Every structure is written in C-alpha cells, then in structure tokens.
Amino acid sequence: MILVEKIKMVKRGDKVNVKYEKGGLLITMEAIAKSDGGIDDTVAVMNEQSKRVVSCIVTGEREVSVGGE
C-alpha cells in the first residue's frame, strides 16, 4: 500500500490571501491561517483587524476562497 500525503499549501500562522467572488464582484484581503491544509481542504483563517475567524477552502499556495460562487 502506498500512502500519499497531501502537500500543505497553507500552514498555521501563514499570511494568506482570502478571495470572495460572486457574480462580477471580487473582494480580496489578507488573513492569518489558524490551521494547515492542502488544495480543497477547509481551513480556519482569522481577520487580523476584527479577530473574526471564518472557514475557507484552500485554492493555492497561501490562497483561500470563502463563500461566493
């Protein structure tokens, strides 16, 4: 049996780019990753100003997407 470990594209403590896209609207911001994750994993990220934590999907290296389409 071969075990394949998913590459971590986001690591806890990383500054990540958060993207929200819906229709023709695109909003981006920076946040801090609260957990590790690979492509398509769900990770928690925290907005540094508001301290609000939201769940996002990992889309690339230090890139995540939240909500939208």
PDB file of N, CA and C in Angstrom:
ATOM      1  N   MET A   1       0.846  -1.181   0.000  1.00  0.00           N
ATOM      2  CA  MET A   1       0.000   0.000   0.000  1.00  0.00           C
ATOM      3  C   MET A   1       0.892   1.245   0.000  1.00  0.00           C
ATOM      4  N   ILE A   2       0.598   2.167  -0.876  1.00  0.00           N
ATOM      5  CA  ILE A   2       1.351   3.412  -0.972  1.00  0.00           C
ATOM      6  C   ILE A   2       0.535   4.524  -0.333  1.00  0.00           C
ATOM      7  N   LEU A   3       1.146   5.203   0.617  1.00  0.00           N
ATOM      8  CA  LEU A   3       0.479   6.336   1.264  1.00  0.00           C
ATOM      9  C   LEU A   3       0.984   7.622   0.625  1.00  0.00           C
ATOM     10  N   VAL A   4       0.062   8.451   0.220  1.00  0.00           N
ATOM     11  CA  VAL A   4       0.412   9.733  -0.388  1.00  0.00           C
ATOM     12  C   VAL A   4      -0.075  10.841   0.532  1.00  0.00           C
ATOM     13  N   GLU A   5       0.850  11.687   0.938  1.00  0.00           N
ATOM     14  CA  GLU A   5       0.481  12.797   1.814  1.00  0.00           C
ATOM     15  C   GLU A   5       0.214  14.029   0.965  1.00  0.00           C
ATOM     16  N   LYS A   6      -0.891  14.690   1.247  1.00  0.00           N
ATOM     17  CA  LYS A   6      -1.250  15.902   0.522  1.00  0.00           C
ATOM     18  C   LYS A   6      -0.282  17.029   0.876  1.00  0.00           C
ATOM     19  N   ILE A   7       0.166  17.762  -0.118  1.00  0.00           N
ATOM     20  CA  ILE A   7       1.079  18.884   0.103  1.00  0.00           C
ATOM     21  C   ILE A   7       0.328  20.014   0.795  1.00  0.00           C
ATOM     22  N   LYS A   8       0.909  20.519   1.872  1.00  0.00           N
ATOM     23  CA  LYS A   8       0.279  21.628   2.594  1.00  0.00           C
ATOM     24  C   LYS A   8       0.557  22.931   1.853  1.00  0.00           C
ATOM     25  N   MET A   9      -0.485  23.526   1.325  1.00  0.00           N
ATOM     26  CA  MET A   9      -0.374  24.796   0.613  1.00  0.00           C
ATOM     27  C   MET A   9      -0.550  25.976   1.558  1.00  0.00           C
ATOM     28  N   VAL A  10      -1.179  25.711   2.690  1.00  0.00           N
ATOM     29  CA  VAL A  10      -1.394  26.721   3.731  1.00  0.00           C
ATOM     30  C   VAL A  10      -0.945  26.104   5.049  1.00  0.00           C
ATOM     31  N   LYS A  11      -0.163  26.847   5.805  1.00  0.00           N
ATOM     32  CA  LYS A  11       0.302  26.364   7.107  1.00  0.00           C
ATOM     33  C   LYS A  11      -0.145  27.322   8.201  1.00  0.00           C
ATOM     34  N   ARG A  12      -0.438  26.766   9.357  1.00  0.00           N
ATOM     35  CA  ARG A  12      -0.864  27.575  10.510  1.00  0.00           C
ATOM     36  C   ARG A  12       0.124  28.723  10.715  1.00  0.00           C
ATOM     37  N   GLY A  13      -0.406  29.948  10.856  1.00  0.00           N
ATOM     38  CA  GLY A  13       0.427  31.128  11.069  1.00  0.00           C
ATOM     39  C   GLY A  13       0.778  31.877   9.795  1.00  0.00           C
ATOM     40  N   ASP A  14       0.568  31.237   8.621  1.00  0.00           N
ATOM     41  CA  ASP A  14       0.832  31.913   7.343  1.00  0.00           C
ATOM     42  C   ASP A  14      -0.108  33.087   7.153  1.00  0.00           C
ATOM     43  N   LYS A  15       0.397  34.152   6.513  1.00  0.00           N
ATOM     44  CA  LYS A  15      -0.494  35.189   5.998  1.00  0.00           C
ATOM     45  C   LYS A  15      -1.017  34.647   4.681  1.00  0.00           C
ATOM     46  N   VAL A  16      -2.339  34.623   4.532  1.00  0.00           N
ATOM     47  CA  VAL A  16      -2.946  34.087   3.318  1.00  0.00           C
ATOM     48  C   VAL A  16      -3.797  35.154   2.637  1.00  0.00           C
ATOM     49  N   ASN A  17      -3.944  35.010   1.335  1.00  0.00           N
ATOM     50  CA  ASN A  17      -4.831  35.872   0.562  1.00  0.00           C
ATOM     51  C   ASN A  17      -6.199  35.213   0.521  1.00  0.00           C
ATOM     52  N   VAL A  18      -7.210  35.924   1.005  1.00  0.00           N
ATOM     53  CA  VAL A  18      -8.585  35.431   1.031  1.00  0.00           C
ATOM     54  C   VAL A  18      -9.333  36.077  -0.123  1.00  0.00           C
ATOM     55  N   LYS A  19     -10.056  35.253  -0.889  1.00  0.00           N
ATOM     56  CA  LYS A  19     -10.805  35.754  -2.034  1.00  0.00           C
ATOM     57  C   LYS A  19     -12.283  35.408  -1.874  1.00  0.00           C
ATOM     58  N   TYR A  20     -13.136  36.401  -2.124  1.00  0.00           N
ATOM     59  CA  TYR A  20     -14.580  36.205  -2.176  1.00  0.00           C
ATOM     60  C   TYR A  20     -15.018  36.680  -3.555  1.00  0.00           C
ATOM     61  N   GLU A  21     -15.677  35.802  -4.301  1.00  0.00           N
ATOM     62  CA  GLU A  21     -16.105  36.158  -5.655  1.00  0.00           C
ATOM     63  C   GLU A  21     -17.550  35.734  -5.860  1.00  0.00           C
ATOM     64  N   LYS A  22     -18.363  36.688  -6.324  1.00  0.00           N
ATOM     65  CA  LYS A  22     -19.763  36.391  -6.616  1.00  0.00           C
ATOM     66  C   LYS A  22     -20.215  37.302  -7.743  1.00  0.00           C
ATOM     67  N   GLY A  23     -20.750  36.704  -8.786  1.00  0.00           N
ATOM     68  CA  GLY A  23     -21.134  37.493  -9.960  1.00  0.00           C
ATOM     69  C   GLY A  23     -19.916  38.216 -10.497  1.00  0.00           C
ATOM     70  N   GLY A  24     -19.996  39.510 -10.668  1.00  0.00           N
ATOM     71  CA  GLY A  24     -18.870  40.290 -11.156  1.00  0.00           C
ATOM     72  C   GLY A  24     -18.061  40.928 -10.036  1.00  0.00           C
ATOM     73  N   LEU A  25     -18.388  40.599  -8.782  1.00  0.00           N
ATOM     74  CA  LEU A  25     -17.725  41.206  -7.631  1.00  0.00           C
ATOM     75  C   LEU A  25     -16.588  40.323  -7.136  1.00  0.00           C
ATOM     76  N   LEU A  26     -15.412  40.926  -6.914  1.00  0.00           N
ATOM     77  CA  LEU A  26     -14.261  40.221  -6.354  1.00  0.00           C
ATOM     78  C   LEU A  26     -13.703  41.046  -5.200  1.00  0.00           C
ATOM     79  N   ILE A  27     -13.646  40.440  -4.022  1.00  0.00           N
ATOM     80  CA  ILE A  27     -13.082  41.101  -2.846  1.00  0.00           C
ATOM     81  C   ILE A  27     -11.921  40.245  -2.350  1.00  0.00           C
ATOM     82  N   THR A  28     -10.788  40.892  -2.067  1.00  0.00           N
ATOM     83  CA  THR A  28      -9.642  40.169  -1.528  1.00  0.00           C
ATOM     84  C   THR A  28      -9.159  40.851  -0.252  1.00  0.00           C
ATOM     85  N   MET A  29      -8.538  40.073   0.623  1.00  0.00           N
ATOM     86  CA  MET A  29      -7.983  40.599   1.863  1.00  0.00           C
ATOM     87  C   MET A  29      -6.932  39.620   2.365  1.00  0.00           C
ATOM     88  N   GLU A  30      -6.151  40.055   3.344  1.00  0.00           N
ATOM     89  CA  GLU A  30      -5.183  39.169   3.983  1.00  0.00           C
ATOM     90  C   GLU A  30      -5.742  38.704   5.319  1.00  0.00           C
ATOM     91  N   ALA A  31      -5.374  37.485   5.695  1.00  0.00           N
ATOM     92  CA  ALA A  31      -5.773  36.930   6.982  1.00  0.00           C
ATOM     93  C   ALA A  31      -4.669  35.981   7.449  1.00  0.00           C
ATOM     94  N   ILE A  32      -4.798  35.490   8.662  1.00  0.00           N
ATOM     95  CA  ILE A  32      -3.833  34.555   9.234  1.00  0.00           C
ATOM     96  C   ILE A  32      -4.462  33.163   9.305  1.00  0.00           C
ATOM     97  N   ALA A  33      -3.758  32.164   8.756  1.00  0.00           N
ATOM     98  CA  ALA A  33      -4.250  30.790   8.805  1.00  0.00           C
ATOM     99  C   ALA A  33      -4.176  30.269  10.233  1.00  0.00           C
ATOM    100  N   LYS A  34      -5.246  29.652  10.692  1.00  0.00           N
ATOM    101  CA  LYS A  34      -5.296  29.064  12.024  1.00  0.00           C
ATOM    102  C   LYS A  34      -5.093  27.548  11.977  1.00  0.00           C
ATOM    103  N   SER A  35      -4.999  26.989  10.750  1.00  0.00           N
ATOM    104  CA  SER A  35      -4.775  25.554  10.595  1.00  0.00           C
ATOM    105  C   SER A  35      -4.070  25.292   9.263  1.00  0.00           C
ATOM    106  N   ASP A  36      -3.528  24.087   9.117  1.00  0.00           N
ATOM    107  CA  ASP A  36      -2.850  23.671   7.892  1.00  0.00           C
ATOM    108  C   ASP A  36      -3.859  23.093   6.912  1.00  0.00           C
ATOM    109  N   GLY A  37      -3.511  23.126   5.615  1.00  0.00           N
ATOM    110  CA  GLY A  37      -4.379  22.474   4.640  1.00  0.00           C
ATOM    111  C   GLY A  37      -3.775  22.404   3.257  1.00  0.00           C
ATOM    112  N   GLY A  38      -4.238  21.412   2.500  1.00  0.00           N
ATOM    113  CA  GLY A  38      -3.863  21.250   1.102  1.00  0.00           C
ATOM    114  C   GLY A  38      -5.011  21.694   0.218  1.00  0.00           C
ATOM    115  N   ILE A  39      -4.814  21.611  -1.083  1.00  0.00           N
ATOM    116  CA  ILE A  39      -5.843  22.019  -2.049  1.00  0.00           C
ATOM    117  C   ILE A  39      -7.174  21.343  -1.711  1.00  0.00           C
ATOM    118  N   ASP A  40      -8.242  22.121  -1.730  1.00  0.00           N
ATOM    119  CA  ASP A  40      -9.624  21.702  -1.460  1.00  0.00           C
ATOM    120  C   ASP A  40      -9.917  21.386   0.007  1.00  0.00           C
ATOM    121  N   ASP A  41      -8.935  21.531   0.898  1.00  0.00           N
ATOM    122  CA  ASP A  41      -9.195  21.354   2.328  1.00  0.00           C
ATOM    123  C   ASP A  41      -9.872  22.605   2.881  1.00  0.00           C
ATOM    124  N   THR A  42     -10.623  22.440   3.950  1.00  0.00           N
ATOM    125  CA  THR A  42     -11.213  23.568   4.666  1.00  0.00           C
ATOM    126  C   THR A  42     -10.270  23.953   5.803  1.00  0.00           C
ATOM    127  N   VAL A  43      -9.953  25.234   5.876  1.00  0.00           N
ATOM    128  CA  VAL A  43      -9.081  25.748   6.938  1.00  0.00           C
ATOM    129  C   VAL A  43      -9.745  26.952   7.591  1.00  0.00           C
ATOM    130  N   ALA A  44      -9.378  27.197   8.830  1.00  0.00           N
ATOM    131  CA  ALA A  44      -9.852  28.387   9.541  1.00  0.00           C
ATOM    132  C   ALA A  44      -8.842  29.506   9.322  1.00  0.00           C
ATOM    133  N   VAL A  45      -9.344  30.713   9.045  1.00  0.00           N
ATOM    134  CA  VAL A  45      -8.476  31.885   8.919  1.00  0.00           C
ATOM    135  C   VAL A  45      -9.054  33.009   9.768  1.00  0.00           C
ATOM    136  N   MET A  46      -8.154  33.886  10.274  1.00  0.00           N
ATOM    137  CA  MET A  46      -8.595  34.970  11.145  1.00  0.00           C
ATOM    138  C   MET A  46      -8.239  36.322  10.542  1.00  0.00           C
ATOM    139  N   ASN A  47      -9.238  37.197  10.469  1.00  0.00           N
ATOM    140  CA  ASN A  47      -9.012  38.571  10.068  1.00  0.00           C
ATOM    141  C   ASN A  47      -8.262  39.252  11.211  1.00  0.00           C
ATOM    142  N   GLU A  48      -7.088  39.820  10.920  1.00  0.00           N
ATOM    143  CA  GLU A  48      -6.260  40.408  11.979  1.00  0.00           C
ATOM    144  C   GLU A  48      -6.915  41.619  12.649  1.00  0.00           C
ATOM    145  N   GLN A  49      -7.695  42.398  11.893  1.00  0.00           N
ATOM    146  CA  GLN A  49      -8.301  43.601  12.468  1.00  0.00           C
ATOM    147  C   GLN A  49      -9.511  43.278  13.335  1.00  0.00           C
ATOM    148  N   SER A  50     -10.427  42.484  12.796  1.00  0.00           N
ATOM    149  CA  SER A  50     -11.666  42.195  13.529  1.00  0.00           C
ATOM    150  C   SER A  50     -11.541  40.988  14.459  1.00  0.00           C
ATOM    151  N   LYS A  51     -10.496  40.171  14.254  1.00  0.00           N
ATOM    152  CA  LYS A  51     -10.278  38.915  15.002  1.00  0.00           C
ATOM    153  C   LYS A  51     -11.341  37.867  14.695  1.00  0.00           C
ATOM    154  N   ARG A  52     -12.150  38.105  13.668  1.00  0.00           N
ATOM    155  CA  ARG A  52     -13.183  37.152  13.269  1.00  0.00           C
ATOM    156  C   ARG A  52     -12.540  35.970  12.551  1.00  0.00           C
ATOM    157  N   VAL A  53     -12.980  34.761  12.884  1.00  0.00           N
ATOM    158  CA  VAL A  53     -12.465  33.542  12.261  1.00  0.00           C
ATOM    159  C   VAL A  53     -13.535  32.979  11.333  1.00  0.00           C
ATOM    160  N   VAL A  54     -13.135  32.646  10.110  1.00  0.00           N
ATOM    161  CA  VAL A  54     -14.056  32.060   9.133  1.00  0.00           C
ATOM    162  C   VAL A  54     -13.419  30.830   8.506  1.00  0.00           C
ATOM    163  N   SER A  55     -14.256  29.942   7.980  1.00  0.00           N
ATOM    164  CA  SER A  55     -13.785  28.754   7.278  1.00  0.00           C
ATOM    165  C   SER A  55     -13.636  29.071   5.803  1.00  0.00           C
ATOM    166  N   CYS A  56     -12.528  28.622   5.217  1.00  0.00           N
ATOM    167  CA  CYS A  56     -12.242  28.864   3.812  1.00  0.00           C
ATOM    168  C   CYS A  56     -11.750  27.578   3.158  1.00  0.00           C
ATOM    169  N   ILE A  57     -11.791  27.550   1.838  1.00  0.00           N
ATOM    170  CA  ILE A  57     -11.282  26.420   1.058  1.00  0.00           C
ATOM    171  C   ILE A  57      -9.928  26.812   0.477  1.00  0.00           C
ATOM    172  N   VAL A  58      -8.936  25.939   0.631  1.00  0.00           N
ATOM    173  CA  VAL A  58      -7.602  26.192   0.077  1.00  0.00           C
ATOM    174  C   VAL A  58      -7.658  26.045  -1.441  1.00  0.00           C
ATOM    175  N   THR A  59      -7.177  27.090  -2.150  1.00  0.00           N
ATOM    176  CA  THR A  59      -7.201  27.086  -3.615  1.00  0.00           C
ATOM    177  C   THR A  59      -5.799  27.125  -4.228  1.00  0.00           C
ATOM    178  N   GLY A  60      -4.786  27.422  -3.417  1.00  0.00           N
ATOM    179  CA  GLY A  60      -3.420  27.508  -3.925  1.00  0.00           C
ATOM    180  C   GLY A  60      -2.462  27.798  -2.792  1.00  0.00           C
ATOM    181  N   GLU A  61      -1.198  28.049  -3.146  1.00  0.00           N
ATOM    182  CA  GLU A  61      -0.203  28.340  -2.123  1.00  0.00           C
ATOM    183  C   GLU A  61      -0.528  29.661  -1.449  1.00  0.00           C
ATOM    184  N   ARG A  62      -0.819  29.592  -0.154  1.00  0.00           N
ATOM    185  CA  ARG A  62      -1.215  30.752   0.659  1.00  0.00           C
ATOM    186  C   ARG A  62      -2.413  31.490   0.074  1.00  0.00           C
ATOM    187  N   GLU A  63      -3.312  30.757  -0.575  1.00  0.00           N
ATOM    188  CA  GLU A  63      -4.546  31.324  -1.157  1.00  0.00           C
ATOM    189  C   GLU A  63      -5.738  30.496  -0.730  1.00  0.00           C
ATOM    190  N   VAL A  64      -6.805  31.210  -0.305  1.00  0.00           N
ATOM    191  CA  VAL A  64      -8.038  30.542   0.099  1.00  0.00           C
ATOM    192  C   VAL A  64      -9.232  31.300  -0.472  1.00  0.00           C
ATOM    193  N   SER A  65     -10.370  30.622  -0.512  1.00  0.00           N
ATOM    194  CA  SER A  65     -11.595  31.214  -1.024  1.00  0.00           C
ATOM    195  C   SER A  65     -12.692  31.032   0.019  1.00  0.00           C
ATOM    196  N   VAL A  66     -13.543  32.037   0.140  1.00  0.00           N
ATOM    197  CA  VAL A  66     -14.657  31.972   1.086  1.00  0.00           C
ATOM    198  C   VAL A  66     -15.955  32.317   0.370  1.00  0.00           C
ATOM    199  N   GLY A  67     -17.016  31.538   0.644  1.00  0.00           N
ATOM    200  CA  GLY A  67     -18.330  31.827   0.096  1.00  0.00           C
ATOM    201  C   GLY A  67     -18.360  32.051  -1.401  1.00  0.00           C
ATOM    202  N   GLY A  68     -19.332  32.821  -1.848  1.00  0.00           N
ATOM    203  CA  GLY A  68     -19.428  33.180  -3.275  1.00  0.00           C
ATOM    204  C   GLY A  68     -19.792  32.003  -4.135  1.00  0.00           C
ATOM    205  N   GLU A  69     -19.366  32.091  -5.412  1.00  0.00           N
ATOM    206  CA  GLU A  69     -19.697  31.061  -6.401  1.00  0.00           C
ATOM    207  C   GLU A  69     -18.468  30.300  -6.795  1.00  0.00           C
TER     208      GLU A  69
END
